Amino acid sequence: MATLLEQLSTMTVVVADTGDLDAIRKFTPRDATTNPSLILAAAQIPAYQSLIDEALHSSRQLLGSSAAVEEVVHEALDEICVIFGKEILKIVPGRVSTEVDARLSFNTEATIAKAHKLIGLYNDAGITNDRVLIKIASTWEGIKAAEVLEKDGIHCNLTLLFGFSQAVACAEAGVTLISPFVGRILDWYKASTGRDSYTGPEDPGVISVTKIFNYFKTYDYKTEIMGASFRNLDEIIELAGCDLLTISPKLLDQLRSTEAPLMRKLDAVNPVAAESQIHVDKESFESMMRADRMAFEKLDEGIRGFSKAIETLEAQLAHRLAVLEGGAAFCHVVQEIFMLNDLDGDGCITREEWLGSDAVFDALDHDHDGRLLQEDVRSGLGAALALTTA
């Protein structure tokens, strides 16, 4: 008997949800998706250190020796996303999804500018627009940015999608693809209801994607649906027939090692009759999101989570840049320390914000007021380095 993965691949486009190049080679999917959390995870793999270093060297060269660490790191972040994307496209025959900085999720113009920059980096490497999807959070501002980008010939994948209003707004905006988060919807309902588990057919995430799928096919929207963020095999089995499913290596492995019959559950040619068609403007979108507590809370949580992953990756890149540049990085250390430790951005670092040892903080805090200004760090740097290397 054929495996579940073999059967699924005949009715659904299987996508690898990972930045791990070896895992992508193992499962040979058509497409692959990445996000800040996945890039952060991949960045911890020693074999990929050369890709990280390549991005840092390139960014330093582009911005010049006088550029601050923070500037180089911000530039390198875009480079890293595209470098991983380029490596993925050497393996998969289809598309890679590369995500816009989640911190821009409520800024339409900044999202458009970042998307153009990312696609420009791909184009400079000889990669055409049809092989790249720009991932954007499904806020109203993100959806409006995607609407503009699609008209510019830049294809978009609207992510962090939890509610029906988000899906309809994306379809009406003409986006290429949406990624409803099946597992995260389940997480919310389990926490909200206290239930430990749901069977496949009653899984709230499965029900949500099924509703969106039948609605899109009933009213002939061209936007593709890619179920994402799966927690178990049952969720995948219940969505067999969906346009695409992006699946983690762990679950791909389980699908590949399991032999059992797989029935098509979703049929684009013969969709289940959907509810009446609706149209969504900004006012109705916001009203529907406020009424859907799950979608509202999970969107907010997702943006904060991806933003945190980006900030963590930036901190790691700053440290790696200092290692690579040695003495040349010395003049940037003050800026690096503030980028990592001034958590509220008020221009000073308190002991509570300080991520290092108390001994270093005390060495820098000459006036013992419990606050570090840039001048304190600059003047006390020698003492701090002495303590950290003793």
Protein backbone atom coordinates (compact mmCIF):
# COMPACT_ATOMS: atom_id res chain seq x y z
CA MET A 1 0.00 0.00 0.00
CA ALA A 2 1.16 3.54 -0.74
CA THR A 3 2.18 5.72 2.17
CA LEU A 4 0.03 8.60 3.38
CA LEU A 5 2.58 11.05 1.94
CA GLU A 6 2.48 9.41 -1.49
CA GLN A 7 -1.31 9.45 -1.54
CA LEU A 8 -1.53 13.02 -0.23
CA SER A 9 0.85 14.22 -2.94
CA THR A 10 -1.59 13.05 -5.63
CA MET A 11 -4.35 15.36 -4.41
CA THR A 12 -2.58 18.23 -2.62
CA VAL A 13 0.64 20.16 -3.21
CA VAL A 14 2.89 19.22 -0.29
CA VAL A 15 5.10 22.05 0.99
CA ALA A 16 7.98 21.76 3.47
CA ASP A 17 7.56 24.08 6.45
CA THR A 18 11.22 24.50 7.40
CA GLY A 19 14.42 26.41 6.79
CA ASP A 20 16.50 23.25 7.23
CA LEU A 21 17.99 22.54 3.81
CA ASP A 22 18.75 18.90 4.62
CA ALA A 23 15.12 18.27 5.58
CA ILE A 24 13.95 19.83 2.31
CA ARG A 25 16.32 17.58 0.37
CA LYS A 26 14.97 14.58 2.26
CA PHE A 27 11.31 15.12 1.40
CA THR A 28 11.64 16.78 -2.05
CA PRO A 29 8.49 18.97 -1.78
CA ARG A 30 7.39 21.24 -4.61
CA ASP A 31 7.52 24.41 -2.49
CA ALA A 32 8.94 25.48 0.87
CA THR A 33 7.94 28.09 3.41
CA THR A 34 10.03 29.96 5.96
CA ASN A 35 9.30 32.40 8.75
CA PRO A 36 11.45 34.21 11.34
CA SER A 37 11.17 31.35 13.83
CA LEU A 38 12.25 28.80 11.22
CA ILE A 39 15.16 30.96 10.04
CA LEU A 40 16.20 31.43 13.68
CA ALA A 41 16.15 27.65 14.18
CA ALA A 42 18.13 27.06 11.00
CA ALA A 43 20.67 29.69 12.04
CA GLN A 44 21.60 27.49 15.03
CA ILE A 45 22.77 24.68 12.74
CA PRO A 46 26.59 24.86 12.43
CA ALA A 47 26.50 23.74 8.79
CA TYR A 48 24.68 26.95 7.87
CA GLN A 49 27.10 29.33 9.60
CA SER A 50 28.71 30.16 6.27
CA LEU A 51 25.36 31.47 4.97
CA ILE A 52 25.02 33.74 8.02
CA ASP A 53 28.60 34.98 7.60
CA GLU A 54 28.03 35.61 3.90
CA ALA A 55 25.09 37.88 4.71
CA LEU A 56 27.01 39.80 7.37
CA HIS A 57 30.05 40.34 5.12
CA SER A 58 27.83 41.43 2.24
CA SER A 59 25.89 43.87 4.42
CA ARG A 60 29.03 45.40 5.91
CA GLN A 61 30.50 45.83 2.43
CA LEU A 62 27.31 47.45 1.18
CA LEU A 63 26.95 49.90 4.08
CA GLY A 64 30.62 50.65 4.67
CA SER A 65 32.98 50.40 7.61
CA SER A 66 31.47 53.38 9.43
CA ALA A 67 27.93 51.93 9.55
CA ALA A 68 26.59 51.10 13.00
CA VAL A 69 26.14 47.48 14.07
CA GLU A 70 22.36 47.94 14.14
CA GLU A 71 22.32 49.12 10.51
CA VAL A 72 24.47 46.21 9.36
CA VAL A 73 22.32 43.72 11.25
CA HIS A 74 19.07 45.09 9.80
CA GLU A 75 20.51 44.85 6.31
CA ALA A 76 21.88 41.36 6.97
CA LEU A 77 18.47 40.15 8.14
CA ASP A 78 17.03 40.75 4.66
CA GLU A 79 20.11 39.18 3.10
CA ILE A 80 19.82 36.08 5.28
CA CYS A 81 16.16 35.52 4.41
CA VAL A 82 16.98 35.74 0.72
CA ILE A 83 20.17 33.65 0.99
CA PHE A 84 18.20 30.84 2.64
CA GLY A 85 15.50 31.31 0.01
CA LYS A 86 18.04 31.01 -2.81
CA GLU A 87 19.45 27.82 -1.31
CA ILE A 88 15.95 26.38 -0.98
CA LEU A 89 15.19 27.19 -4.61
CA LYS A 90 18.19 25.11 -5.65
CA ILE A 91 16.33 22.13 -4.18
CA VAL A 92 12.60 22.67 -4.79
CA PRO A 93 11.16 23.06 -8.30
CA GLY A 94 8.48 25.51 -7.21
CA ARG A 95 8.32 28.51 -4.91
CA VAL A 96 9.76 29.70 -1.63
CA SER A 97 7.91 31.98 0.79
CA THR A 98 9.99 34.74 2.38
CA GLU A 99 8.47 36.80 5.16
CA VAL A 100 8.34 40.57 5.59
CA ASP A 101 9.46 41.79 9.03
CA ALA A 102 6.48 41.18 11.33
CA ARG A 103 7.14 44.51 13.03
CA LEU A 104 5.81 46.17 9.86
CA SER A 105 2.47 44.36 10.04
CA PHE A 106 0.40 47.51 10.60
CA ASN A 107 2.29 49.72 8.13
CA THR A 108 1.11 49.34 4.54
CA GLU A 109 3.73 51.54 2.89
CA ALA A 110 6.64 50.05 4.83
CA THR A 111 5.44 46.54 3.98
CA ILE A 112 5.29 47.41 0.28
CA ALA A 113 8.80 48.89 0.40
CA LYS A 114 10.22 45.85 2.22
CA ALA A 115 8.57 43.45 -0.23
CA HIS A 116 10.07 45.34 -3.18
CA LYS A 117 13.48 45.18 -1.52
CA LEU A 118 13.25 41.43 -0.92
CA ILE A 119 12.07 40.65 -4.43
CA GLY A 120 14.80 42.94 -5.76
CA LEU A 121 17.42 40.87 -3.95
CA TYR A 122 16.00 37.73 -5.53
CA ASN A 123 15.90 39.37 -8.96
CA ASP A 124 19.54 40.47 -8.59
CA ALA A 125 20.37 36.77 -8.08
CA GLY A 126 18.57 35.85 -11.30
CA ILE A 127 15.42 34.52 -9.61
CA THR A 128 12.14 35.56 -11.20
CA ASN A 129 9.05 36.74 -9.33
CA ASP A 130 7.07 33.59 -10.10
CA ARG A 131 9.37 31.55 -7.82
CA VAL A 132 8.90 33.73 -4.75
CA LEU A 133 5.96 34.40 -2.46
CA ILE A 134 6.26 37.36 -0.10
CA LYS A 135 4.75 36.45 3.26
CA ILE A 136 2.78 39.19 4.99
CA ALA A 137 0.70 39.09 8.17
CA SER A 138 -3.06 39.15 7.52
CA THR A 139 -3.78 42.50 9.14
CA TRP A 140 -5.95 44.93 7.19
CA GLU A 141 -2.81 46.96 6.44
CA GLY A 142 -0.96 43.86 5.30
CA ILE A 143 -3.82 42.79 3.03
CA LYS A 144 -3.93 46.25 1.44
CA ALA A 145 -0.16 46.09 0.89
CA ALA A 146 -0.55 42.70 -0.78
CA GLU A 147 -3.27 44.09 -3.05
CA VAL A 148 -0.81 46.71 -4.33
CA LEU A 149 2.05 44.22 -4.63
CA GLU A 150 -0.02 41.75 -6.63
CA LYS A 151 -0.75 44.51 -9.15
CA ASP A 152 2.99 45.15 -9.29
CA GLY A 153 3.60 41.51 -10.22
CA ILE A 154 4.83 40.47 -6.76
CA HIS A 155 3.00 37.40 -5.50
CA CYS A 156 2.00 37.22 -1.85
CA ASN A 157 1.32 34.62 0.83
CA LEU A 158 -0.87 36.07 3.58
CA THR A 159 0.08 34.40 6.84
CA LEU A 160 -1.11 34.43 10.45
CA LEU A 161 -4.64 33.91 9.18
CA PHE A 162 -7.14 32.71 11.76
CA GLY A 163 -10.51 34.22 10.89
CA PHE A 164 -13.02 34.08 8.05
CA SER A 165 -12.95 37.86 7.62
CA GLN A 166 -9.19 37.72 6.97
CA ALA A 167 -9.67 35.05 4.33
CA VAL A 168 -12.45 36.91 2.49
CA ALA A 169 -10.51 40.18 2.53
CA CYS A 170 -7.48 38.39 1.05
CA ALA A 171 -9.55 36.79 -1.70
CA GLU A 172 -11.16 40.12 -2.61
CA ALA A 173 -7.70 41.73 -2.69
CA GLY A 174 -6.58 39.14 -5.24
CA VAL A 175 -3.68 37.70 -3.25
CA THR A 176 -2.02 34.59 -4.62
CA LEU A 177 -2.20 32.43 -1.50
CA ILE A 178 -3.35 32.38 2.13
CA SER A 179 -1.98 30.32 5.03
CA PRO A 180 -4.65 29.61 7.67
CA PHE A 181 -2.99 28.31 10.86
CA VAL A 182 -4.80 25.08 11.68
CA GLY A 183 -2.85 24.06 14.78
CA ARG A 184 -2.79 27.46 16.42
CA ILE A 185 -6.57 27.65 16.12
CA LEU A 186 -6.75 24.27 17.87
CA ASP A 187 -4.36 25.53 20.57
CA TRP A 188 -6.67 28.44 21.36
CA TYR A 189 -9.78 26.29 21.63
CA LYS A 190 -8.04 23.72 23.84
CA ALA A 191 -6.88 26.47 26.18
CA SER A 192 -10.26 28.22 26.09
CA THR A 193 -12.44 25.17 26.65
CA GLY A 194 -10.14 23.05 28.80
CA ARG A 195 -10.52 20.10 26.42
CA ASP A 196 -7.42 17.96 25.98
CA SER A 197 -8.14 16.88 22.43
CA TYR A 198 -10.46 17.06 19.44
CA THR A 199 -11.03 14.36 16.84
CA GLY A 200 -10.03 15.26 13.29
CA PRO A 201 -13.49 16.17 11.91
CA GLU A 202 -14.35 18.34 14.94
CA ASP A 203 -10.94 20.06 15.14
CA PRO A 204 -11.70 23.82 15.07
CA GLY A 205 -8.73 24.50 12.78
CA VAL A 206 -9.88 21.86 10.32
CA ILE A 207 -13.43 23.25 10.38
CA SER A 208 -12.10 26.77 9.71
CA VAL A 209 -9.99 25.77 6.70
CA THR A 210 -12.77 23.59 5.30
CA LYS A 211 -15.18 26.52 5.47
CA ILE A 212 -12.73 28.84 3.72
CA PHE A 213 -11.93 26.23 1.04
CA ASN A 214 -15.59 25.60 0.15
CA TYR A 215 -16.36 29.33 0.16
CA PHE A 216 -13.46 30.16 -2.18
CA LYS A 217 -14.31 27.35 -4.60
CA THR A 218 -18.05 28.07 -4.55
CA TYR A 219 -17.53 31.71 -5.53
CA ASP A 220 -14.57 31.03 -7.84
CA TYR A 221 -11.91 33.02 -6.02
CA LYS A 222 -8.46 32.34 -7.50
CA THR A 223 -6.60 32.70 -4.18
CA GLU A 224 -5.02 29.38 -3.20
CA ILE A 225 -5.42 27.95 0.31
CA MET A 226 -2.42 26.44 2.09
CA GLY A 227 -3.21 24.91 5.47
CA ALA A 228 -0.35 25.49 7.93
CA SER A 229 0.80 24.97 11.52
CA PHE A 230 -0.32 21.39 12.01
CA ARG A 231 -0.27 19.67 15.39
CA ASN A 232 -1.03 16.08 14.34
CA LEU A 233 -1.63 13.78 11.39
CA ASP A 234 -5.41 13.84 11.83
CA GLU A 235 -5.52 17.50 10.88
CA ILE A 236 -3.61 16.79 7.67
CA ILE A 237 -5.75 13.76 6.81
CA GLU A 238 -8.95 15.78 7.25
CA LEU A 239 -7.68 18.43 4.81
CA ALA A 240 -6.55 16.07 2.04
CA GLY A 241 -7.47 17.77 -1.22
CA CYS A 242 -6.73 21.30 -0.01
CA ASP A 243 -4.78 23.30 -2.61
CA LEU A 244 -1.56 23.12 -0.59
CA LEU A 245 -0.50 21.99 2.88
CA THR A 246 2.76 23.16 4.45
CA ILE A 247 4.01 20.50 6.84
CA SER A 248 6.88 20.27 9.31
CA PRO A 249 9.64 17.66 8.78
CA LYS A 250 8.46 15.71 11.84
CA LEU A 251 4.96 15.25 10.43
CA LEU A 252 6.27 14.65 6.90
CA ASP A 253 8.31 11.80 8.36
CA GLN A 254 5.20 10.33 9.99
CA LEU A 255 3.25 10.61 6.74
CA ARG A 256 6.06 8.91 4.85
CA SER A 257 6.29 6.03 7.31
CA THR A 258 2.54 5.36 7.59
CA GLU A 259 0.68 3.05 5.20
CA ALA A 260 -3.09 3.49 5.31
CA PRO A 261 -5.90 4.45 2.92
CA LEU A 262 -6.32 8.22 2.44
CA MET A 263 -9.60 9.69 1.25
CA ARG A 264 -9.98 13.08 -0.42
CA LYS A 265 -11.87 15.32 2.02
CA LEU A 266 -11.87 18.59 0.04
CA ASP A 267 -12.85 18.80 -3.63
CA ALA A 268 -12.27 21.99 -5.62
CA VAL A 269 -14.47 20.75 -8.49
CA ASN A 270 -17.40 19.80 -6.26
CA PRO A 271 -17.22 22.01 -3.17
CA VAL A 272 -19.76 21.72 -0.41
CA ALA A 273 -22.30 24.52 -0.78
CA ALA A 274 -21.08 27.60 1.10
CA GLU A 275 -22.93 30.33 2.93
CA SER A 276 -24.01 33.51 1.16
CA GLN A 277 -21.24 35.60 -0.35
CA ILE A 278 -20.11 38.63 1.65
CA HIS A 279 -17.89 41.63 0.93
CA VAL A 280 -15.41 43.03 3.42
CA ASP A 281 -14.26 46.63 3.80
CA LYS A 282 -12.08 48.02 6.57
CA GLU A 283 -14.98 48.73 8.90
CA SER A 284 -16.57 45.29 8.54
CA PHE A 285 -13.15 43.60 8.71
CA GLU A 286 -12.36 45.25 12.03
CA SER A 287 -15.85 44.55 13.36
CA MET A 288 -15.64 40.86 12.43
CA MET A 289 -12.16 40.56 13.95
CA ARG A 290 -13.31 42.13 17.22
CA ALA A 291 -16.22 39.69 17.33
CA ASP A 292 -13.89 36.72 16.76
CA ARG A 293 -11.83 36.62 19.95
CA MET A 294 -9.78 33.67 18.80
CA ALA A 295 -8.70 35.31 15.53
CA PHE A 296 -8.01 38.64 17.21
CA GLU A 297 -5.90 37.15 19.99
CA LYS A 298 -3.98 34.69 17.80
CA LEU A 299 -3.12 37.35 15.21
CA ASP A 300 -1.74 39.60 17.93
CA GLU A 301 0.14 36.72 19.53
CA GLY A 302 1.57 35.61 16.20
CA ILE A 303 2.87 39.04 15.28
CA ARG A 304 4.47 39.42 18.71
CA GLY A 305 6.01 35.95 18.45
CA PHE A 306 7.50 36.51 15.01
CA SER A 307 8.74 39.94 16.07
CA LYS A 308 10.48 38.39 19.08
CA ALA A 309 12.12 35.79 16.84
CA ILE A 310 13.44 38.58 14.62
CA GLU A 311 14.82 40.48 17.61
CA THR A 312 16.52 37.33 18.91
CA LEU A 313 18.07 36.67 15.51
CA GLU A 314 19.25 40.28 15.33
CA ALA A 315 20.95 39.94 18.69
CA GLN A 316 22.73 36.80 17.54
CA LEU A 317 23.79 38.49 14.31
CA ALA A 318 25.25 41.42 16.26
CA HIS A 319 27.38 39.05 18.31
CA ARG A 320 28.47 37.14 15.22
CA LEU A 321 29.45 40.38 13.48
CA ALA A 322 31.67 41.29 16.43
CA VAL A 323 33.35 37.89 16.22
CA LEU A 324 33.96 38.27 12.49
CA GLU A 325 35.27 41.81 12.66
CA GLY A 326 37.44 41.50 15.75
CA GLY A 327 39.08 44.80 16.51
CA ALA A 328 37.12 46.59 13.79
CA ALA A 329 33.94 45.87 15.71
CA PHE A 330 35.24 47.55 18.89
CA CYS A 331 33.91 50.98 17.88
CA HIS A 332 30.42 49.49 17.46
CA VAL A 333 30.23 47.75 20.83
CA VAL A 334 28.38 50.56 22.61
CA GLN A 335 25.66 50.58 19.95
CA GLU A 336 25.43 46.80 20.10
CA ILE A 337 25.07 46.79 23.88
CA PHE A 338 22.27 49.31 23.70
CA MET A 339 20.47 47.45 20.92
CA LEU A 340 20.49 44.29 23.02
CA ASN A 341 19.80 45.73 26.48
CA ASP A 342 17.76 48.93 26.20
CA LEU A 343 14.52 46.99 26.12
CA ASP A 344 12.16 49.94 26.38
CA GLY A 345 14.19 52.19 24.06
CA ASP A 346 14.46 55.07 26.53
CA GLY A 347 18.20 55.60 26.02
CA CYS A 348 19.36 54.01 29.26
CA ILE A 349 19.82 50.50 30.59
CA THR A 350 18.58 49.56 34.05
CA ARG A 351 19.89 46.60 36.04
CA GLU A 352 16.60 44.81 35.34
CA GLU A 353 17.12 45.21 31.58
CA TRP A 354 20.81 44.24 31.63
CA LEU A 355 21.35 40.81 30.04
CA GLY A 356 24.95 40.39 31.22
CA SER A 357 26.52 39.75 34.60
CA ASP A 358 26.16 42.03 37.63
CA ALA A 359 29.96 42.41 37.71
CA VAL A 360 30.01 44.00 34.26
CA PHE A 361 27.05 46.24 35.09
CA ASP A 362 28.77 47.44 38.26
CA ALA A 363 32.00 48.13 36.36
CA LEU A 364 30.14 50.34 33.91
CA ASP A 365 27.91 52.07 36.47
CA HIS A 366 30.51 54.51 37.78
CA ASP A 367 28.04 56.81 39.55
CA HIS A 368 26.12 53.86 41.05
CA ASP A 369 22.72 55.24 40.06
CA GLY A 370 21.53 51.91 38.67
CA ARG A 371 21.33 53.28 35.12
CA LEU A 372 23.74 53.03 32.20
CA LEU A 373 23.90 55.76 29.58
CA GLN A 374 25.91 55.44 26.38
CA GLU A 375 28.59 57.64 27.96
CA ASP A 376 28.89 55.23 30.92
CA VAL A 377 29.35 52.27 28.62
CA ARG A 378 31.82 54.09 26.41
CA SER A 379 34.01 55.29 29.30
CA GLY A 380 33.84 52.04 31.23
CA LEU A 381 34.25 49.64 28.35
CA GLY A 382 37.81 48.75 29.13
CA ALA A 383 36.98 47.73 32.71
CA ALA A 384 34.04 45.65 31.58
CA LEU A 385 36.06 43.78 28.98
CA ALA A 386 38.73 43.08 31.56
CA LEU A 387 36.15 41.52 33.86
CA THR A 388 34.54 39.43 31.14
CA THR A 389 37.86 37.99 29.97
CA ALA A 390 39.38 37.42 33.41
